[in-house]
């Protein structure tokens, strides 16, 4: 099970990258695009997702260290 911070990071990463598949590859989770889409929908329903008006750039993943 994933905590709220992990879900939020995944949604924010998706908004930056613009690809479900690349977001999962970057973070190593969640296990499916369906799950990530559900998280995006949850955050959107709560009003936390604001689509960026910027063009999406090629996926560049910066791994975050625990606690960082």
PDB file of N, CA and C in Angstrom:
ATOM      1  N   UNK A   1       0.841  -1.173   0.000  1.00  0.00           N
ATOM      2  CA  UNK A   1       0.000   0.000   0.000  1.00  0.00           C
ATOM      3  C   UNK A   1       0.891   1.242   0.000  1.00  0.00           C
ATOM      4  N   UNK A   2       0.453   2.256  -0.690  1.00  0.00           N
ATOM      5  CA  UNK A   2       1.218   3.491  -0.821  1.00  0.00           C
ATOM      6  C   UNK A   2       0.627   4.574   0.059  1.00  0.00           C
ATOM      7  N   UNK A   3       1.502   5.396   0.645  1.00  0.00           N
ATOM      8  CA  UNK A   3       1.007   6.471   1.495  1.00  0.00           C
ATOM      9  C   UNK A   3       0.681   7.704   0.653  1.00  0.00           C
ATOM     10  N   UNK A   4       0.103   8.679   1.292  1.00  0.00           N
ATOM     11  CA  UNK A   4      -0.344   9.881   0.595  1.00  0.00           C
ATOM     12  C   UNK A   4       0.816  10.619  -0.073  1.00  0.00           C
ATOM     13  N   UNK A   5       1.966  10.674   0.589  1.00  0.00           N
ATOM     14  CA  UNK A   5       3.121  11.363   0.009  1.00  0.00           C
ATOM     15  C   UNK A   5       3.602  10.673  -1.262  1.00  0.00           C
ATOM     16  N   UNK A   6       3.592   9.350  -1.284  1.00  0.00           N
ATOM     17  CA  UNK A   6       3.998   8.611  -2.476  1.00  0.00           C
ATOM     18  C   UNK A   6       3.022   8.862  -3.625  1.00  0.00           C
ATOM     19  N   UNK A   7       1.740   8.870  -3.304  1.00  0.00           N
ATOM     20  CA  UNK A   7       0.739   9.130  -4.327  1.00  0.00           C
ATOM     21  C   UNK A   7       0.887  10.538  -4.890  1.00  0.00           C
ATOM     22  N   UNK A   8       1.099  11.504  -3.996  1.00  0.00           N
ATOM     23  CA  UNK A   8       1.254  12.888  -4.425  1.00  0.00           C
ATOM     24  C   UNK A   8       2.484  13.030  -5.319  1.00  0.00           C
ATOM     25  N   UNK A   9       3.591  12.409  -4.949  1.00  0.00           N
ATOM     26  CA  UNK A   9       4.795  12.460  -5.767  1.00  0.00           C
ATOM     27  C   UNK A   9       4.538  11.871  -7.147  1.00  0.00           C
ATOM     28  N   UNK A  10       3.805  10.769  -7.197  1.00  0.00           N
ATOM     29  CA  UNK A  10       3.494  10.137  -8.476  1.00  0.00           C
ATOM     30  C   UNK A  10       2.639  11.057  -9.350  1.00  0.00           C
ATOM     31  N   UNK A  11       1.643  11.691  -8.756  1.00  0.00           N
ATOM     32  CA  UNK A  11       0.769  12.598  -9.516  1.00  0.00           C
ATOM     33  C   UNK A  11       1.563  13.805 -10.006  1.00  0.00           C
ATOM     34  N   UNK A  12       2.387  14.381  -9.142  1.00  0.00           N
ATOM     35  CA  UNK A  12       3.195  15.534  -9.541  1.00  0.00           C
ATOM     36  C   UNK A  12       4.187  15.155 -10.641  1.00  0.00           C
ATOM     37  N   UNK A  13       4.769  13.979 -10.524  1.00  0.00           N
ATOM     38  CA  UNK A  13       5.706  13.508 -11.540  1.00  0.00           C
ATOM     39  C   UNK A  13       4.989  13.309 -12.860  1.00  0.00           C
ATOM     40  N   UNK A  14       3.793  12.744 -12.809  1.00  0.00           N
ATOM     41  CA  UNK A  14       2.993  12.577 -14.028  1.00  0.00           C
ATOM     42  C   UNK A  14       2.712  13.929 -14.690  1.00  0.00           C
ATOM     43  N   UNK A  15       2.360  14.923 -13.895  1.00  0.00           N
ATOM     44  CA  UNK A  15       2.053  16.244 -14.454  1.00  0.00           C
ATOM     45  C   UNK A  15       3.282  16.864 -15.118  1.00  0.00           C
ATOM     46  N   UNK A  16       4.452  16.580 -14.594  1.00  0.00           N
ATOM     47  CA  UNK A  16       5.686  17.088 -15.203  1.00  0.00           C
ATOM     48  C   UNK A  16       6.042  16.327 -16.477  1.00  0.00           C
ATOM     49  N   UNK A  17       5.917  15.000 -16.413  1.00  0.00           N
ATOM     50  CA  UNK A  17       6.342  14.161 -17.527  1.00  0.00           C
ATOM     51  C   UNK A  17       5.274  14.063 -18.605  1.00  0.00           C
ATOM     52  N   UNK A  18       4.014  13.921 -18.188  1.00  0.00           N
ATOM     53  CA  UNK A  18       2.918  13.836 -19.142  1.00  0.00           C
ATOM     54  C   UNK A  18       2.669  12.450 -19.701  1.00  0.00           C
ATOM     55  N   UNK A  19       3.216  11.422 -19.055  1.00  0.00           N
ATOM     56  CA  UNK A  19       3.050  10.051 -19.539  1.00  0.00           C
ATOM     57  C   UNK A  19       2.908   9.113 -18.351  1.00  0.00           C
ATOM     58  N   UNK A  20       1.829   8.326 -18.364  1.00  0.00           N
ATOM     59  CA  UNK A  20       1.635   7.345 -17.293  1.00  0.00           C
ATOM     60  C   UNK A  20       2.782   6.345 -17.267  1.00  0.00           C
ATOM     61  N   UNK A  21       3.113   5.820 -18.426  1.00  0.00           N
ATOM     62  CA  UNK A  21       4.154   4.789 -18.528  1.00  0.00           C
ATOM     63  C   UNK A  21       5.507   5.310 -18.047  1.00  0.00           C
ATOM     64  N   UNK A  22       5.879   6.496 -18.495  1.00  0.00           N
ATOM     65  CA  UNK A  22       7.180   7.058 -18.125  1.00  0.00           C
ATOM     66  C   UNK A  22       7.236   7.423 -16.640  1.00  0.00           C
ATOM     67  N   UNK A  23       6.109   7.839 -16.084  1.00  0.00           N
ATOM     68  CA  UNK A  23       6.058   8.137 -14.652  1.00  0.00           C
ATOM     69  C   UNK A  23       6.332   6.880 -13.844  1.00  0.00           C
ATOM     70  N   UNK A  24       5.704   5.780 -14.231  1.00  0.00           N
ATOM     71  CA  UNK A  24       5.910   4.509 -13.526  1.00  0.00           C
ATOM     72  C   UNK A  24       7.353   4.042 -13.684  1.00  0.00           C
ATOM     73  N   UNK A  25       7.907   4.196 -14.875  1.00  0.00           N
ATOM     74  CA  UNK A  25       9.304   3.812 -15.090  1.00  0.00           C
ATOM     75  C   UNK A  25      10.232   4.667 -14.232  1.00  0.00           C
ATOM     76  N   UNK A  26       9.945   5.921 -14.138  1.00  0.00           N
ATOM     77  CA  UNK A  26      10.772   6.851 -13.384  1.00  0.00           C
ATOM     78  C   UNK A  26      10.770   6.524 -11.892  1.00  0.00           C
ATOM     79  N   UNK A  27       9.594   6.333 -11.338  1.00  0.00           N
ATOM     80  CA  UNK A  27       9.462   6.130  -9.896  1.00  0.00           C
ATOM     81  C   UNK A  27       9.587   4.667  -9.468  1.00  0.00           C
ATOM     82  N   UNK A  28       9.275   3.774 -10.384  1.00  0.00           N
ATOM     83  CA  UNK A  28       9.267   2.356 -10.018  1.00  0.00           C
ATOM     84  C   UNK A  28       7.959   1.901  -9.378  1.00  0.00           C
ATOM     85  N   UNK A  29       6.983   2.763  -9.343  1.00  0.00           N
ATOM     86  CA  UNK A  29       5.664   2.461  -8.806  1.00  0.00           C
ATOM     87  C   UNK A  29       4.661   3.424  -9.391  1.00  0.00           C
ATOM     88  N   UNK A  30       3.381   3.219  -9.308  1.00  0.00           N
ATOM     89  CA  UNK A  30       2.701   1.991  -8.889  1.00  0.00           C
ATOM     90  C   UNK A  30       2.881   0.905  -9.942  1.00  0.00           C
ATOM     91  N   UNK A  31       2.268  -0.225  -9.703  1.00  0.00           N
ATOM     92  CA  UNK A  31       2.460  -1.370 -10.572  1.00  0.00           C
ATOM     93  C   UNK A  31       1.696  -1.319 -11.887  1.00  0.00           C
ATOM     94  N   UNK A  32       0.780  -0.366 -12.021  1.00  0.00           N
ATOM     95  CA  UNK A  32       0.006  -0.306 -13.265  1.00  0.00           C
ATOM     96  C   UNK A  32      -0.420   1.116 -13.583  1.00  0.00           C
ATOM     97  N   UNK A  33      -0.673   1.335 -14.863  1.00  0.00           N
ATOM     98  CA  UNK A  33      -1.173   2.636 -15.304  1.00  0.00           C
ATOM     99  C   UNK A  33      -2.567   2.894 -14.752  1.00  0.00           C
ATOM    100  N   UNK A  34      -3.344   1.840 -14.595  1.00  0.00           N
ATOM    101  CA  UNK A  34      -4.707   1.987 -14.062  1.00  0.00           C
ATOM    102  C   UNK A  34      -4.654   2.581 -12.656  1.00  0.00           C
ATOM    103  N   UNK A  35      -3.739   2.079 -11.833  1.00  0.00           N
ATOM    104  CA  UNK A  35      -3.606   2.591 -10.466  1.00  0.00           C
ATOM    105  C   UNK A  35      -3.191   4.053 -10.470  1.00  0.00           C
ATOM    106  N   UNK A  36      -2.200   4.404 -11.289  1.00  0.00           N
ATOM    107  CA  UNK A  36      -1.757   5.790 -11.360  1.00  0.00           C
ATOM    108  C   UNK A  36      -2.888   6.695 -11.837  1.00  0.00           C
ATOM    109  N   UNK A  37      -3.640   6.255 -12.820  1.00  0.00           N
ATOM    110  CA  UNK A  37      -4.780   7.038 -13.320  1.00  0.00           C
ATOM    111  C   UNK A  37      -5.810   7.248 -12.208  1.00  0.00           C
ATOM    112  N   UNK A  38      -6.035   6.228 -11.382  1.00  0.00           N
ATOM    113  CA  UNK A  38      -6.972   6.364 -10.265  1.00  0.00           C
ATOM    114  C   UNK A  38      -6.489   7.422  -9.277  1.00  0.00           C
ATOM    115  N   UNK A  39      -5.180   7.418  -9.004  1.00  0.00           N
ATOM    116  CA  UNK A  39      -4.626   8.424  -8.091  1.00  0.00           C
ATOM    117  C   UNK A  39      -4.804   9.821  -8.661  1.00  0.00           C
ATOM    118  N   UNK A  40      -4.541   9.973  -9.948  1.00  0.00           N
ATOM    119  CA  UNK A  40      -4.702  11.273 -10.607  1.00  0.00           C
ATOM    120  C   UNK A  40      -6.153  11.720 -10.492  1.00  0.00           C
ATOM    121  N   UNK A  41      -7.080  10.801 -10.738  1.00  0.00           N
ATOM    122  CA  UNK A  41      -8.505  11.123 -10.636  1.00  0.00           C
ATOM    123  C   UNK A  41      -8.886  11.508  -9.209  1.00  0.00           C
ATOM    124  N   UNK A  42      -8.332  10.796  -8.204  1.00  0.00           N
ATOM    125  CA  UNK A  42      -8.608  11.110  -6.796  1.00  0.00           C
ATOM    126  C   UNK A  42      -8.153  12.526  -6.468  1.00  0.00           C
ATOM    127  N   UNK A  43      -6.920  12.857  -6.839  1.00  0.00           N
ATOM    128  CA  UNK A  43      -6.391  14.178  -6.552  1.00  0.00           C
ATOM    129  C   UNK A  43      -7.165  15.248  -7.310  1.00  0.00           C
ATOM    130  N   UNK A  44      -7.572  14.932  -8.537  1.00  0.00           N
ATOM    131  CA  UNK A  44      -8.348  15.870  -9.339  1.00  0.00           C
ATOM    132  C   UNK A  44      -9.704  16.134  -8.690  1.00  0.00           C
ATOM    133  N   UNK A  45     -10.349  15.094  -8.212  1.00  0.00           N
ATOM    134  CA  UNK A  45     -11.645  15.217  -7.548  1.00  0.00           C
ATOM    135  C   UNK A  45     -11.539  16.103  -6.311  1.00  0.00           C
ATOM    136  N   UNK A  46     -10.417  15.991  -5.608  1.00  0.00           N
ATOM    137  CA  UNK A  46     -10.210  16.795  -4.406  1.00  0.00           C
ATOM    138  C   UNK A  46      -9.740  18.213  -4.727  1.00  0.00           C
ATOM    139  N   UNK A  47      -9.500  18.480  -6.017  1.00  0.00           N
ATOM    140  CA  UNK A  47      -9.091  19.819  -6.427  1.00  0.00           C
ATOM    141  C   UNK A  47      -7.606  20.080  -6.319  1.00  0.00           C
ATOM    142  N   UNK A  48      -6.801  19.024  -6.180  1.00  0.00           N
ATOM    143  CA  UNK A  48      -5.369  19.200  -6.008  1.00  0.00           C
ATOM    144  C   UNK A  48      -4.586  19.144  -7.312  1.00  0.00           C
ATOM    145  N   UNK A  49      -5.209  18.748  -8.395  1.00  0.00           N
ATOM    146  CA  UNK A  49      -4.502  18.627  -9.671  1.00  0.00           C
ATOM    147  C   UNK A  49      -4.827  19.835 -10.526  1.00  0.00           C
ATOM    148  N   UNK A  50      -3.804  20.533 -10.886  1.00  0.00           N
ATOM    149  CA  UNK A  50      -3.950  21.658 -11.805  1.00  0.00           C
ATOM    150  C   UNK A  50      -3.043  21.366 -12.983  1.00  0.00           C
ATOM    151  N   UNK A  51      -3.637  21.134 -14.123  1.00  0.00           N
ATOM    152  CA  UNK A  51      -2.855  20.807 -15.317  1.00  0.00           C
ATOM    153  C   UNK A  51      -1.931  21.962 -15.665  1.00  0.00           C
ATOM    154  N   UNK A  52      -0.719  21.627 -15.989  1.00  0.00           N
ATOM    155  CA  UNK A  52       0.260  22.618 -16.399  1.00  0.00           C
ATOM    156  C   UNK A  52      -0.054  23.087 -17.817  1.00  0.00           C
ATOM    157  N   UNK A  53       0.133  24.365 -18.069  1.00  0.00           N
ATOM    158  CA  UNK A  53      -0.073  24.885 -19.418  1.00  0.00           C
ATOM    159  C   UNK A  53       1.220  24.797 -20.224  1.00  0.00           C
ATOM    160  N   UNK A  54       2.303  24.383 -19.564  1.00  0.00           N
ATOM    161  CA  UNK A  54       3.575  24.218 -20.260  1.00  0.00           C
ATOM    162  C   UNK A  54       3.520  22.991 -21.133  1.00  0.00           C
ATOM    163  N   UNK A  55       4.363  22.999 -22.138  1.00  0.00           N
ATOM    164  CA  UNK A  55       4.497  21.791 -22.941  1.00  0.00           C
ATOM    165  C   UNK A  55       5.281  20.786 -22.125  1.00  0.00           C
ATOM    166  N   UNK A  56       4.946  19.538 -22.315  1.00  0.00           N
ATOM    167  CA  UNK A  56       5.666  18.493 -21.608  1.00  0.00           C
ATOM    168  C   UNK A  56       7.019  18.275 -22.266  1.00  0.00           C
ATOM    169  N   UNK A  57       7.993  18.041 -21.447  1.00  0.00           N
ATOM    170  CA  UNK A  57       9.347  17.818 -21.922  1.00  0.00           C
ATOM    171  C   UNK A  57       9.649  16.324 -21.865  1.00  0.00           C
ATOM    172  N   UNK A  58      10.656  15.887 -22.598  1.00  0.00           N
ATOM    173  CA  UNK A  58      11.025  14.473 -22.508  1.00  0.00           C
ATOM    174  C   UNK A  58      11.279  14.085 -21.053  1.00  0.00           C
ATOM    175  N   UNK A  59      10.957  12.872 -20.742  1.00  0.00           N
ATOM    176  CA  UNK A  59      11.049  12.401 -19.356  1.00  0.00           C
ATOM    177  C   UNK A  59      12.487  12.443 -18.852  1.00  0.00           C
ATOM    178  N   UNK A  60      12.685  13.175 -17.803  1.00  0.00           N
ATOM    179  CA  UNK A  60      13.956  13.182 -17.089  1.00  0.00           C
ATOM    180  C   UNK A  60      13.596  12.887 -15.646  1.00  0.00           C
ATOM    181  N   UNK A  61      14.129  11.818 -15.141  1.00  0.00           N
ATOM    182  CA  UNK A  61      13.766  11.410 -13.786  1.00  0.00           C
ATOM    183  C   UNK A  61      14.905  11.714 -12.830  1.00  0.00           C
ATOM    184  N   UNK A  62      14.614  12.447 -11.803  1.00  0.00           N
ATOM    185  CA  UNK A  62      15.569  12.696 -10.753  1.00  0.00           C
ATOM    186  C   UNK A  62      15.122  11.880  -9.543  1.00  0.00           C
ATOM    187  N   UNK A  63      15.903  10.905  -9.167  1.00  0.00           N
ATOM    188  CA  UNK A  63      15.537  10.051  -8.056  1.00  0.00           C
ATOM    189  C   UNK A  63      15.724  10.830  -6.767  1.00  0.00           C
ATOM    190  N   UNK A  64      14.735  10.755  -5.929  1.00  0.00           N
ATOM    191  CA  UNK A  64      14.779  11.450  -4.654  1.00  0.00           C
ATOM    192  C   UNK A  64      15.188  10.470  -3.565  1.00  0.00           C
ATOM    193  N   UNK A  65      16.091  10.906  -2.734  1.00  0.00           N
ATOM    194  CA  UNK A  65      16.537  10.060  -1.644  1.00  0.00           C
ATOM    195  C   UNK A  65      15.513  10.101  -0.527  1.00  0.00           C
ATOM    196  N   UNK A  66      15.341   8.998   0.193  1.00  0.00           N
ATOM    197  CA  UNK A  66      14.388   8.997   1.304  1.00  0.00           C
ATOM    198  C   UNK A  66      14.713  10.120   2.279  1.00  0.00           C
ATOM    199  N   UNK A  67      13.687  10.836   2.681  1.00  0.00           N
ATOM    200  CA  UNK A  67      13.852  11.919   3.626  1.00  0.00           C
ATOM    201  C   UNK A  67      14.373  13.205   3.002  1.00  0.00           C
ATOM    202  N   UNK A  68      14.515  13.199   1.659  1.00  0.00           N
ATOM    203  CA  UNK A  68      15.089  14.372   1.013  1.00  0.00           C
ATOM    204  C   UNK A  68      14.134  15.182   0.228  1.00  0.00           C
TER     205      UNK A  68
END
